[in-house]
Full PDB file with SEQRES, HELIX, SHEET, SSBOND, CRYST1, ORIGX, SCALE, CONECT and MASTER records, all heavy atoms in Angstrom:
SEQRES   1 A   38  LYS PRO PHE ARG ARG PRO GLY ALA ALA PHE ASP ALA ALA          
SEQRES   2 A   38  PHE ARG TRP ASN ILE ASN TYR ARG TRP ALA LEU LYS CYS          
SEQRES   3 A   38  GLY LEU SER THR ALA THR LEU LYS ALA ASP THR ARG              
SHEET    1 AA1 2 ALA A   9  ASN A  17  0                                        
SHEET    2 AA1 2 ALA A  23  ALA A  31 -1                                        
CRYST1    1.000    1.000    1.000  90.00  90.00  90.00 P 1           1          
ORIGX1      1.000000  0.000000  0.000000        0.00000                         
ORIGX2      0.000000  1.000000  0.000000        0.00000                         
ORIGX3      0.000000  0.000000  1.000000        0.00000                         
SCALE1      1.000000  0.000000  0.000000        0.00000                         
SCALE2      0.000000  1.000000  0.000000        0.00000                         
SCALE3      0.000000  0.000000  1.000000        0.00000                         
ATOM      1  N   LYS A   1      28.022 -18.818  14.774  1.00  0.00           N  
ATOM      2  CA  LYS A   1      27.287 -18.035  15.735  1.00  0.00           C  
ATOM      3  C   LYS A   1      26.570 -16.855  15.375  1.00  0.00           C  
ATOM      4  O   LYS A   1      27.080 -15.715  14.973  1.00  0.00           O  
ATOM      5  CB  LYS A   1      28.324 -17.436  16.772  1.00  0.00           C  
ATOM      6  CG  LYS A   1      29.141 -18.514  17.607  1.00  0.00           C  
ATOM      7  CD  LYS A   1      30.092 -17.952  18.571  1.00  0.00           C  
ATOM      8  CE  LYS A   1      30.797 -19.094  19.431  1.00  0.00           C  
ATOM      9  NZ  LYS A   1      31.585 -18.458  20.435  1.00  0.00           N  
ATOM     10  N   PRO A   2      25.163 -17.053  15.205  1.00  0.00           N  
ATOM     11  CA  PRO A   2      24.345 -15.993  14.682  1.00  0.00           C  
ATOM     12  C   PRO A   2      24.371 -14.727  15.655  1.00  0.00           C  
ATOM     13  O   PRO A   2      24.552 -14.913  16.913  1.00  0.00           O  
ATOM     14  CB  PRO A   2      22.852 -16.582  14.683  1.00  0.00           C  
ATOM     15  CG  PRO A   2      23.089 -18.013  14.629  1.00  0.00           C  
ATOM     16  CD  PRO A   2      24.477 -18.256  15.378  1.00  0.00           C  
ATOM     17  N   PHE A   3      24.200 -13.576  15.142  1.00  0.00           N  
ATOM     18  CA  PHE A   3      24.129 -12.386  15.882  1.00  0.00           C  
ATOM     19  C   PHE A   3      25.480 -12.075  16.563  1.00  0.00           C  
ATOM     20  O   PHE A   3      25.538 -11.229  17.573  1.00  0.00           O  
ATOM     21  CB  PHE A   3      23.036 -12.333  16.910  1.00  0.00           C  
ATOM     22  CG  PHE A   3      21.675 -12.487  16.225  1.00  0.00           C  
ATOM     23  CD1 PHE A   3      21.005 -13.664  16.275  1.00  0.00           C  
ATOM     24  CD2 PHE A   3      21.041 -11.401  15.699  1.00  0.00           C  
ATOM     25  CE1 PHE A   3      19.794 -13.770  15.522  1.00  0.00           C  
ATOM     26  CE2 PHE A   3      19.902 -11.399  15.018  1.00  0.00           C  
ATOM     27  CZ  PHE A   3      19.144 -12.579  15.003  1.00  0.00           C  
ATOM     28  N   ARG A   4      26.595 -12.554  16.160  1.00  0.00           N  
ATOM     29  CA  ARG A   4      27.877 -12.300  16.700  1.00  0.00           C  
ATOM     30  C   ARG A   4      28.414 -10.959  16.145  1.00  0.00           C  
ATOM     31  O   ARG A   4      28.478 -10.876  15.008  1.00  0.00           O  
ATOM     32  CB  ARG A   4      28.939 -13.468  16.489  1.00  0.00           C  
ATOM     33  CG  ARG A   4      30.307 -13.178  16.886  1.00  0.00           C  
ATOM     34  CD  ARG A   4      31.277 -14.337  16.732  1.00  0.00           C  
ATOM     35  NE  ARG A   4      32.604 -13.980  16.970  1.00  0.00           N  
ATOM     36  CZ  ARG A   4      33.197 -13.981  18.163  1.00  0.00           C  
ATOM     37  NH1 ARG A   4      32.535 -14.462  19.194  1.00  0.00           N  
ATOM     38  NH2 ARG A   4      34.552 -13.654  18.205  1.00  0.00           N  
ATOM     39  N   ARG A   5      28.657 -10.062  16.912  1.00  0.00           N  
ATOM     40  CA  ARG A   5      29.246  -8.701  16.665  1.00  0.00           C  
ATOM     41  C   ARG A   5      28.235  -8.001  15.546  1.00  0.00           C  
ATOM     42  O   ARG A   5      28.690  -7.712  14.487  1.00  0.00           O  
ATOM     43  CB  ARG A   5      30.598  -8.777  16.022  1.00  0.00           C  
ATOM     44  CG  ARG A   5      31.650  -9.157  17.214  1.00  0.00           C  
ATOM     45  CD  ARG A   5      33.084  -9.084  16.640  1.00  0.00           C  
ATOM     46  NE  ARG A   5      33.469  -7.740  16.215  1.00  0.00           N  
ATOM     47  CZ  ARG A   5      33.800  -6.862  17.069  1.00  0.00           C  
ATOM     48  NH1 ARG A   5      33.969  -6.961  18.271  1.00  0.00           N  
ATOM     49  NH2 ARG A   5      34.157  -5.704  16.605  1.00  0.00           N  
ATOM     50  N   PRO A   6      27.096  -7.782  15.899  1.00  0.00           N  
ATOM     51  CA  PRO A   6      26.124  -7.154  14.942  1.00  0.00           C  
ATOM     52  C   PRO A   6      26.479  -5.662  14.705  1.00  0.00           C  
ATOM     53  O   PRO A   6      27.123  -4.954  15.567  1.00  0.00           O  
ATOM     54  CB  PRO A   6      24.822  -7.319  15.591  1.00  0.00           C  
ATOM     55  CG  PRO A   6      25.030  -7.312  17.196  1.00  0.00           C  
ATOM     56  CD  PRO A   6      26.399  -8.058  17.179  1.00  0.00           C  
ATOM     57  N   GLY A   7      25.974  -5.150  13.557  1.00  0.00           N  
ATOM     58  CA  GLY A   7      26.096  -3.815  13.266  1.00  0.00           C  
ATOM     59  C   GLY A   7      24.936  -3.153  12.881  1.00  0.00           C  
ATOM     60  O   GLY A   7      23.913  -3.815  12.617  1.00  0.00           O  
ATOM     61  N   ALA A   8      24.829  -1.946  12.871  1.00  0.00           N  
ATOM     62  CA  ALA A   8      23.515  -1.088  12.410  1.00  0.00           C  
ATOM     63  C   ALA A   8      23.243  -1.441  10.937  1.00  0.00           C  
ATOM     64  O   ALA A   8      23.998  -1.591  10.018  1.00  0.00           O  
ATOM     65  CB  ALA A   8      23.687   0.332  12.599  1.00  0.00           C  
ATOM     66  N   ALA A   9      21.899  -1.515  10.624  1.00  0.00           N  
ATOM     67  CA  ALA A   9      21.356  -1.671   9.334  1.00  0.00           C  
ATOM     68  C   ALA A   9      20.254  -0.868   8.903  1.00  0.00           C  
ATOM     69  O   ALA A   9      19.419  -0.594   9.904  1.00  0.00           O  
ATOM     70  CB  ALA A   9      21.036  -3.208   9.113  1.00  0.00           C  
ATOM     71  N   PHE A  10      20.198  -0.417   7.647  1.00  0.00           N  
ATOM     72  CA  PHE A  10      19.043   0.521   7.310  1.00  0.00           C  
ATOM     73  C   PHE A  10      18.575   0.104   5.963  1.00  0.00           C  
ATOM     74  O   PHE A  10      19.381  -0.439   5.092  1.00  0.00           O  
ATOM     75  CB  PHE A  10      19.507   1.989   7.358  1.00  0.00           C  
ATOM     76  CG  PHE A  10      19.997   2.399   8.581  1.00  0.00           C  
ATOM     77  CD1 PHE A  10      21.327   2.400   8.924  1.00  0.00           C  
ATOM     78  CD2 PHE A  10      19.133   2.836   9.617  1.00  0.00           C  
ATOM     79  CE1 PHE A  10      21.845   2.879  10.164  1.00  0.00           C  
ATOM     80  CE2 PHE A  10      19.618   3.310  10.927  1.00  0.00           C  
ATOM     81  CZ  PHE A  10      20.939   3.224  11.130  1.00  0.00           C  
ATOM     82  N   ASP A  11      17.269   0.321   5.610  1.00  0.00           N  
ATOM     83  CA  ASP A  11      16.796  -0.015   4.295  1.00  0.00           C  
ATOM     84  C   ASP A  11      15.757   0.996   3.832  1.00  0.00           C  
ATOM     85  O   ASP A  11      15.017   1.668   4.653  1.00  0.00           O  
ATOM     86  CB  ASP A  11      16.449  -1.342   4.098  1.00  0.00           C  
ATOM     87  CG  ASP A  11      14.865  -1.664   4.725  1.00  0.00           C  
ATOM     88  OD1 ASP A  11      14.480  -0.842   5.627  1.00  0.00           O  
ATOM     89  OD2 ASP A  11      14.359  -2.681   4.457  1.00  0.00           O  
ATOM     90  N   ALA A  12      15.512   1.112   2.505  1.00  0.00           N  
ATOM     91  CA  ALA A  12      14.360   1.763   1.861  1.00  0.00           C  
ATOM     92  C   ALA A  12      13.769   0.769   0.894  1.00  0.00           C  
ATOM     93  O   ALA A  12      14.497   0.033   0.235  1.00  0.00           O  
ATOM     94  CB  ALA A  12      14.831   3.009   1.181  1.00  0.00           C  
ATOM     95  N   ALA A  13      12.420   0.811   0.779  1.00  0.00           N  
ATOM     96  CA  ALA A  13      11.755  -0.221  -0.026  1.00  0.00           C  
ATOM     97  C   ALA A  13      10.609   0.316  -0.821  1.00  0.00           C  
ATOM     98  O   ALA A  13       9.861   1.359  -0.172  1.00  0.00           O  
ATOM     99  CB  ALA A  13      11.425  -1.381   0.879  1.00  0.00           C  
ATOM    100  N   PHE A  14      10.335  -0.214  -1.945  1.00  0.00           N  
ATOM    101  CA  PHE A  14       9.089  -0.118  -2.726  1.00  0.00           C  
ATOM    102  C   PHE A  14       8.473  -1.408  -2.900  1.00  0.00           C  
ATOM    103  O   PHE A  14       9.035  -2.304  -3.271  1.00  0.00           O  
ATOM    104  CB  PHE A  14       9.499   0.593  -4.003  1.00  0.00           C  
ATOM    105  CG  PHE A  14       8.309   0.651  -5.016  1.00  0.00           C  
ATOM    106  CD1 PHE A  14       7.424   1.679  -4.852  1.00  0.00           C  
ATOM    107  CD2 PHE A  14       8.155  -0.421  -5.856  1.00  0.00           C  
ATOM    108  CE1 PHE A  14       6.243   1.727  -5.812  1.00  0.00           C  
ATOM    109  CE2 PHE A  14       6.971  -0.398  -6.837  1.00  0.00           C  
ATOM    110  CZ  PHE A  14       6.149   0.649  -6.795  1.00  0.00           C  
ATOM    111  N   ARG A  15       7.228  -1.469  -2.667  1.00  0.00           N  
ATOM    112  CA  ARG A  15       6.409  -2.777  -2.739  1.00  0.00           C  
ATOM    113  C   ARG A  15       5.295  -2.686  -3.722  1.00  0.00           C  
ATOM    114  O   ARG A  15       4.421  -1.736  -3.408  1.00  0.00           O  
ATOM    115  CB  ARG A  15       5.980  -3.181  -1.245  1.00  0.00           C  
ATOM    116  CG  ARG A  15       5.484  -4.647  -1.343  1.00  0.00           C  
ATOM    117  CD  ARG A  15       5.090  -5.014   0.068  1.00  0.00           C  
ATOM    118  NE  ARG A  15       6.208  -5.444   0.863  1.00  0.00           N  
ATOM    119  CZ  ARG A  15       7.048  -4.776   1.763  1.00  0.00           C  
ATOM    120  NH1 ARG A  15       6.442  -3.567   2.137  1.00  0.00           N  
ATOM    121  NH2 ARG A  15       7.891  -5.238   2.380  1.00  0.00           N  
ATOM    122  N   TRP A  16       5.124  -3.563  -4.438  1.00  0.00           N  
ATOM    123  CA  TRP A  16       3.863  -3.796  -5.322  1.00  0.00           C  
ATOM    124  C   TRP A  16       3.031  -4.879  -4.770  1.00  0.00           C  
ATOM    125  O   TRP A  16       3.474  -6.002  -4.812  1.00  0.00           O  
ATOM    126  CB  TRP A  16       4.377  -4.062  -6.769  1.00  0.00           C  
ATOM    127  CG  TRP A  16       3.085  -4.317  -7.700  1.00  0.00           C  
ATOM    128  CD1 TRP A  16       1.876  -3.903  -7.622  1.00  0.00           C  
ATOM    129  CD2 TRP A  16       3.124  -5.288  -8.840  1.00  0.00           C  
ATOM    130  NE1 TRP A  16       1.110  -4.409  -8.694  1.00  0.00           N  
ATOM    131  CE2 TRP A  16       1.929  -5.294  -9.362  1.00  0.00           C  
ATOM    132  CE3 TRP A  16       4.137  -6.076  -9.410  1.00  0.00           C  
ATOM    133  CZ2 TRP A  16       1.558  -6.020 -10.480  1.00  0.00           C  
ATOM    134  CZ3 TRP A  16       3.816  -6.684 -10.423  1.00  0.00           C  
ATOM    135  CH2 TRP A  16       2.560  -6.758 -11.106  1.00  0.00           C  
ATOM    136  N   ASN A  17       1.987  -4.454  -4.264  1.00  0.00           N  
ATOM    137  CA  ASN A  17       0.923  -5.514  -3.838  1.00  0.00           C  
ATOM    138  C   ASN A  17       0.082  -6.071  -4.897  1.00  0.00           C  
ATOM    139  O   ASN A  17      -0.811  -5.503  -5.336  1.00  0.00           O  
ATOM    140  CB  ASN A  17       0.100  -4.866  -2.679  1.00  0.00           C  
ATOM    141  CG  ASN A  17       0.792  -4.462  -1.555  1.00  0.00           C  
ATOM    142  OD1 ASN A  17       1.573  -5.200  -0.901  1.00  0.00           O  
ATOM    143  ND2 ASN A  17       0.774  -3.119  -1.144  1.00  0.00           N  
ATOM    144  N   ILE A  18       0.569  -7.334  -5.352  1.00  0.00           N  
ATOM    145  CA  ILE A  18      -0.168  -7.837  -6.532  1.00  0.00           C  
ATOM    146  C   ILE A  18      -1.612  -8.297  -6.167  1.00  0.00           C  
ATOM    147  O   ILE A  18      -2.494  -8.088  -6.967  1.00  0.00           O  
ATOM    148  CB  ILE A  18       0.719  -9.180  -6.925  1.00  0.00           C  
ATOM    149  CG1 ILE A  18       2.104  -8.580  -7.428  1.00  0.00           C  
ATOM    150  CG2 ILE A  18      -0.038  -9.832  -8.132  1.00  0.00           C  
ATOM    151  CD1 ILE A  18       3.025  -9.811  -7.660  1.00  0.00           C  
ATOM    152  N   ASN A  19      -1.807  -8.902  -4.968  1.00  0.00           N  
ATOM    153  CA  ASN A  19      -3.031  -9.196  -4.436  1.00  0.00           C  
ATOM    154  C   ASN A  19      -2.932  -9.307  -2.938  1.00  0.00           C  
ATOM    155  O   ASN A  19      -1.931  -8.934  -2.379  1.00  0.00           O  
ATOM    156  CB  ASN A  19      -3.636 -10.559  -5.116  1.00  0.00           C  
ATOM    157  CG  ASN A  19      -2.668 -11.708  -5.006  1.00  0.00           C  
ATOM    158  OD1 ASN A  19      -2.072 -11.881  -3.975  1.00  0.00           O  
ATOM    159  ND2 ASN A  19      -2.596 -12.406  -6.061  1.00  0.00           N  
ATOM    160  N   TYR A  20      -3.943  -9.880  -2.226  1.00  0.00           N  
ATOM    161  CA  TYR A  20      -3.950  -9.954  -0.762  1.00  0.00           C  
ATOM    162  C   TYR A  20      -2.769 -10.884  -0.284  1.00  0.00           C  
ATOM    163  O   TYR A  20      -2.389 -10.871   0.914  1.00  0.00           O  
ATOM    164  CB  TYR A  20      -5.218 -10.308  -0.232  1.00  0.00           C  
ATOM    165  CG  TYR A  20      -6.244  -9.231  -0.483  1.00  0.00           C  
ATOM    166  CD1 TYR A  20      -7.287  -9.456  -1.360  1.00  0.00           C  
ATOM    167  CD2 TYR A  20      -6.262  -8.067   0.170  1.00  0.00           C  
ATOM    168  CE1 TYR A  20      -8.280  -8.424  -1.650  1.00  0.00           C  
ATOM    169  CE2 TYR A  20      -7.210  -7.061  -0.080  1.00  0.00           C  
ATOM    170  CZ  TYR A  20      -8.177  -7.251  -0.885  1.00  0.00           C  
ATOM    171  OH  TYR A  20      -9.024  -6.279  -1.207  1.00  0.00           O  
ATOM    172  N   ARG A  21      -2.379 -11.857  -1.134  1.00  0.00           N  
ATOM    173  CA  ARG A  21      -1.216 -12.878  -0.580  1.00  0.00           C  
ATOM    174  C   ARG A  21       0.019 -12.516  -1.222  1.00  0.00           C  
ATOM    175  O   ARG A  21       0.997 -12.825  -0.512  1.00  0.00           O  
ATOM    176  CB  ARG A  21      -1.780 -14.162  -1.162  1.00  0.00           C  
ATOM    177  CG  ARG A  21      -3.076 -14.881  -0.447  1.00  0.00           C  
ATOM    178  CD  ARG A  21      -2.771 -15.113   1.144  1.00  0.00           C  
ATOM    179  NE  ARG A  21      -3.959 -15.697   1.755  1.00  0.00           N  
ATOM    180  CZ  ARG A  21      -4.084 -16.931   1.980  1.00  0.00           C  
ATOM    181  NH1 ARG A  21      -3.038 -17.718   1.727  1.00  0.00           N  
ATOM    182  NH2 ARG A  21      -5.046 -17.504   2.545  1.00  0.00           N  
ATOM    183  N   TRP A  22       0.202 -12.015  -2.327  1.00  0.00           N  
ATOM    184  CA  TRP A  22       1.410 -11.921  -3.040  1.00  0.00           C  
ATOM    185  C   TRP A  22       1.846 -10.457  -3.079  1.00  0.00           C  
ATOM    186  O   TRP A  22       1.103  -9.510  -3.510  1.00  0.00           O  
ATOM    187  CB  TRP A  22       1.462 -12.514  -4.317  1.00  0.00           C  
ATOM    188  CG  TRP A  22       1.448 -14.026  -4.277  1.00  0.00           C  
ATOM    189  CD1 TRP A  22       0.357 -14.883  -4.444  1.00  0.00           C  
ATOM    190  CD2 TRP A  22       2.502 -14.915  -4.145  1.00  0.00           C  
ATOM    191  NE1 TRP A  22       0.750 -16.214  -4.396  1.00  0.00           N  
ATOM    192  CE2 TRP A  22       2.074 -16.225  -4.209  1.00  0.00           C  
ATOM    193  CE3 TRP A  22       3.919 -14.711  -4.025  1.00  0.00           C  
ATOM    194  CZ2 TRP A  22       2.915 -17.283  -4.058  1.00  0.00           C  
ATOM    195  CZ3 TRP A  22       4.689 -15.850  -3.987  1.00  0.00           C  
ATOM    196  CH2 TRP A  22       4.213 -17.174  -3.925  1.00  0.00           C  
ATOM    197  N   ALA A  23       3.199 -10.204  -2.925  1.00  0.00           N  
ATOM    198  CA  ALA A  23       3.770  -8.880  -3.089  1.00  0.00           C  
ATOM    199  C   ALA A  23       5.122  -8.954  -3.677  1.00  0.00           C  
ATOM    200  O   ALA A  23       5.786 -10.078  -3.474  1.00  0.00           O  
ATOM    201  CB  ALA A  23       3.810  -8.117  -1.922  1.00  0.00           C  
ATOM    202  N   LEU A  24       5.550  -7.953  -4.378  1.00  0.00           N  
ATOM    203  CA  LEU A  24       6.927  -7.841  -5.032  1.00  0.00           C  
ATOM    204  C   LEU A  24       7.665  -6.631  -4.345  1.00  0.00           C  
ATOM    205  O   LEU A  24       7.145  -5.538  -4.498  1.00  0.00           O  
ATOM    206  CB  LEU A  24       6.808  -7.854  -6.478  1.00  0.00           C  
ATOM    207  CG  LEU A  24       8.165  -8.079  -7.270  1.00  0.00           C  
ATOM    208  CD1 LEU A  24       8.632  -9.475  -7.059  1.00  0.00           C  
ATOM    209  CD2 LEU A  24       7.930  -7.864  -8.816  1.00  0.00           C  
ATOM    210  N   LYS A  25       8.782  -6.750  -3.791  1.00  0.00           N  
ATOM    211  CA  LYS A  25       9.438  -5.867  -3.152  1.00  0.00           C  
ATOM    212  C   LYS A  25      10.802  -5.432  -3.786  1.00  0.00           C  
ATOM    213  O   LYS A  25      11.475  -6.409  -3.992  1.00  0.00           O  
ATOM    214  CB  LYS A  25       9.782  -6.180  -1.585  1.00  0.00           C  
ATOM    215  CG  LYS A  25      10.616  -5.178  -0.905  1.00  0.00           C  
ATOM    216  CD  LYS A  25      10.851  -5.660   0.484  1.00  0.00           C  
ATOM    217  CE  LYS A  25      12.014  -5.015   1.204  1.00  0.00           C  
ATOM    218  NZ  LYS A  25      12.425  -5.584   2.500  1.00  0.00           N  
ATOM    219  N   CYS A  26      11.128  -4.193  -3.982  1.00  0.00           N  
ATOM    220  CA  CYS A  26      12.391  -3.767  -4.531  1.00  0.00           C  
ATOM    221  C   CYS A  26      12.978  -2.917  -3.242  1.00  0.00           C  
ATOM    222  O   CYS A  26      12.426  -2.081  -2.865  1.00  0.00           O  
ATOM    223  CB  CYS A  26      12.289  -2.770  -5.660  1.00  0.00           C  
ATOM    224  SG  CYS A  26      11.562  -3.691  -7.091  1.00  0.00           S  
ATOM    225  N   GLY A  27      14.306  -3.294  -2.917  1.00  0.00           N  
ATOM    226  CA  GLY A  27      14.853  -2.678  -1.740  1.00  0.00           C  
ATOM    227  C   GLY A  27      16.338  -2.316  -1.958  1.00  0.00           C  
ATOM    228  O   GLY A  27      16.997  -2.870  -2.696  1.00  0.00           O  
ATOM    229  N   LEU A  28      16.727  -1.301  -1.182  1.00  0.00           N  
ATOM    230  CA  LEU A  28      18.014  -0.761  -1.121  1.00  0.00           C  
ATOM    231  C   LEU A  28      18.403  -0.783   0.310  1.00  0.00           C  
ATOM    232  O   LEU A  28      17.765  -0.139   1.076  1.00  0.00           O  
ATOM    233  CB  LEU A  28      18.261   0.560  -1.772  1.00  0.00           C  
ATOM    234  CG  LEU A  28      19.636   1.130  -1.550  1.00  0.00           C  
ATOM    235  CD1 LEU A  28      20.663   0.381  -2.450  1.00  0.00           C  
ATOM    236  CD2 LEU A  28      19.612   2.683  -2.183  1.00  0.00           C  
ATOM    237  N   SER A  29      19.555  -1.403   0.703  1.00  0.00           N  
ATOM    238  CA  SER A  29      19.862  -1.432   2.169  1.00  0.00           C  
ATOM    239  C   SER A  29      21.336  -1.377   2.309  1.00  0.00           C  
ATOM    240  O   SER A  29      22.099  -1.574   1.474  1.00  0.00           O  
ATOM    241  CB  SER A  29      19.372  -2.770   2.801  1.00  0.00           C  
ATOM    242  OG  SER A  29      19.987  -3.912   2.170  1.00  0.00           O  
ATOM    243  N   THR A  30      21.734  -1.141   3.563  1.00  0.00           N  
ATOM    244  CA  THR A  30      23.102  -0.985   3.910  1.00  0.00           C  
ATOM    245  C   THR A  30      23.280  -1.604   5.283  1.00  0.00           C  
ATOM    246  O   THR A  30      22.346  -1.424   6.228  1.00  0.00           O  
ATOM    247  CB  THR A  30      23.650   0.325   3.854  1.00  0.00           C  
ATOM    248  OG1 THR A  30      25.076   0.505   4.190  1.00  0.00           O  
ATOM    249  CG2 THR A  30      22.933   1.302   4.735  1.00  0.00           C  
ATOM    250  N   ALA A  31      24.447  -2.270   5.668  1.00  0.00           N  
ATOM    251  CA  ALA A  31      24.710  -2.705   6.973  1.00  0.00           C  
ATOM    252  C   ALA A  31      26.115  -2.541   7.235  1.00  0.00           C  
ATOM    253  O   ALA A  31      27.042  -2.794   6.368  1.00  0.00           O  
ATOM    254  CB  ALA A  31      24.138  -4.096   7.177  1.00  0.00           C  
ATOM    255  N   THR A  32      26.545  -2.488   8.442  1.00  0.00           N  
ATOM    256  CA  THR A  32      27.898  -2.583   8.962  1.00  0.00           C  
ATOM    257  C   THR A  32      28.170  -4.053   9.399  1.00  0.00           C  
ATOM    258  O   THR A  32      27.510  -4.557  10.221  1.00  0.00           O  
ATOM    259  CB  THR A  32      28.235  -1.649  10.186  1.00  0.00           C  
ATOM    260  OG1 THR A  32      27.943  -0.359   9.708  1.00  0.00           O  
ATOM    261  CG2 THR A  32      29.634  -1.735  10.593  1.00  0.00           C  
ATOM    262  N   LEU A  33      29.024  -4.692   8.735  1.00  0.00           N  
ATOM    263  CA  LEU A  33      29.331  -6.063   8.946  1.00  0.00           C  
ATOM    264  C   LEU A  33      30.731  -6.107   9.712  1.00  0.00           C  
ATOM    265  O   LEU A  33      31.733  -5.460   9.219  1.00  0.00           O  
ATOM    266  CB  LEU A  33      29.475  -7.003   7.613  1.00  0.00           C  
ATOM    267  CG  LEU A  33      28.189  -6.958   6.825  1.00  0.00           C  
ATOM    268  CD1 LEU A  33      28.415  -7.869   5.579  1.00  0.00           C  
ATOM    269  CD2 LEU A  33      27.004  -7.450   7.607  1.00  0.00           C  
ATOM    270  N   LYS A  34      30.825  -6.914  10.811  1.00  0.00           N  
ATOM    271  CA  LYS A  34      32.009  -6.991  11.670  1.00  0.00           C  
ATOM    272  C   LYS A  34      32.314  -8.359  11.954  1.00  0.00           C  
ATOM    273  O   LYS A  34      31.360  -9.209  12.051  1.00  0.00           O  
ATOM    274  CB  LYS A  34      31.895  -6.058  12.875  1.00  0.00           C  
ATOM    275  CG  LYS A  34      31.664  -4.596  12.551  1.00  0.00           C  
ATOM    276  CD  LYS A  34      31.398  -3.832  13.935  1.00  0.00           C  
ATOM    277  CE  LYS A  34      30.118  -4.114  14.566  1.00  0.00           C  
ATOM    278  NZ  LYS A  34      29.919  -3.229  15.778  1.00  0.00           N  
ATOM    279  N   ALA A  35      33.550  -8.716  12.309  1.00  0.00           N  
ATOM    280  CA  ALA A  35      33.979 -10.025  12.774  1.00  0.00           C  
ATOM    281  C   ALA A  35      35.265  -9.905  13.535  1.00  0.00           C  
ATOM    282  O   ALA A  35      36.115  -9.071  13.119  1.00  0.00           O  
ATOM    283  CB  ALA A  35      34.012 -11.021  11.689  1.00  0.00           C  
ATOM    284  N   ASP A  36      35.519 -10.767  14.444  1.00  0.00           N  
ATOM    285  CA  ASP A  36      36.725 -10.811  15.222  1.00  0.00           C  
ATOM    286  C   ASP A  36      36.975 -12.325  15.762  1.00  0.00           C  
ATOM    287  O   ASP A  36      36.040 -12.704  16.373  1.00  0.00           O  
ATOM    288  CB  ASP A  36      36.758  -9.830  16.347  1.00  0.00           C  
ATOM    289  CG  ASP A  36      38.035  -9.597  17.080  1.00  0.00           C  
ATOM    290  OD1 ASP A  36      38.971 -10.503  16.934  1.00  0.00           O  
ATOM    291  OD2 ASP A  36      38.344  -8.567  17.654  1.00  0.00           O  
ATOM    292  N   THR A  37      38.137 -12.830  15.281  1.00  0.00           N  
ATOM    293  CA  THR A  37      38.415 -14.279  15.657  1.00  0.00           C  
ATOM    294  C   THR A  37      39.066 -14.358  16.975  1.00  0.00           C  
ATOM    295  O   THR A  37      39.362 -15.442  17.352  1.00  0.00           O  
ATOM    296  CB  THR A  37      39.053 -15.005  14.567  1.00  0.00           C  
ATOM    297  OG1 THR A  37      40.463 -14.449  14.368  1.00  0.00           O  
ATOM    298  CG2 THR A  37      38.381 -14.903  13.202  1.00  0.00           C  
ATOM    299  N   ARG A  38      39.466 -13.274  17.707  1.00  0.00           N  
ATOM    300  CA  ARG A  38      40.125 -13.491  18.888  1.00  0.00           C  
ATOM    301  C   ARG A  38      39.340 -14.143  19.863  1.00  0.00           C  
ATOM    302  O   ARG A  38      38.198 -14.014  19.984  1.00  0.00           O  
ATOM    303  CB  ARG A  38      40.578 -12.023  19.475  1.00  0.00           C  
ATOM    304  CG  ARG A  38      41.640 -11.424  18.599  1.00  0.00           C  
ATOM    305  CD  ARG A  38      41.892  -9.950  19.226  1.00  0.00           C  
ATOM    306  NE  ARG A  38      40.750  -9.015  18.920  1.00  0.00           N  
ATOM    307  CZ  ARG A  38      40.606  -7.720  19.273  1.00  0.00           C  
ATOM    308  NH1 ARG A  38      41.639  -7.189  19.799  1.00  0.00           N  
ATOM    309  NH2 ARG A  38      39.568  -7.068  18.935  1.00  0.00           N  
TER     310      ARG A  38                                                      
MASTER        0    0    0    0    2    0    0    6  309    1    0    3          
END                                                                             
């Protein structure tokens, strides 16, 4: 079940644009992951 009990997520990113088609991204992120089988 996608999107079951979602939590907040945040990120910060640095991207190197190699050309108009290709880019390389370095990222740091965090998210609250939750689940309940009841």
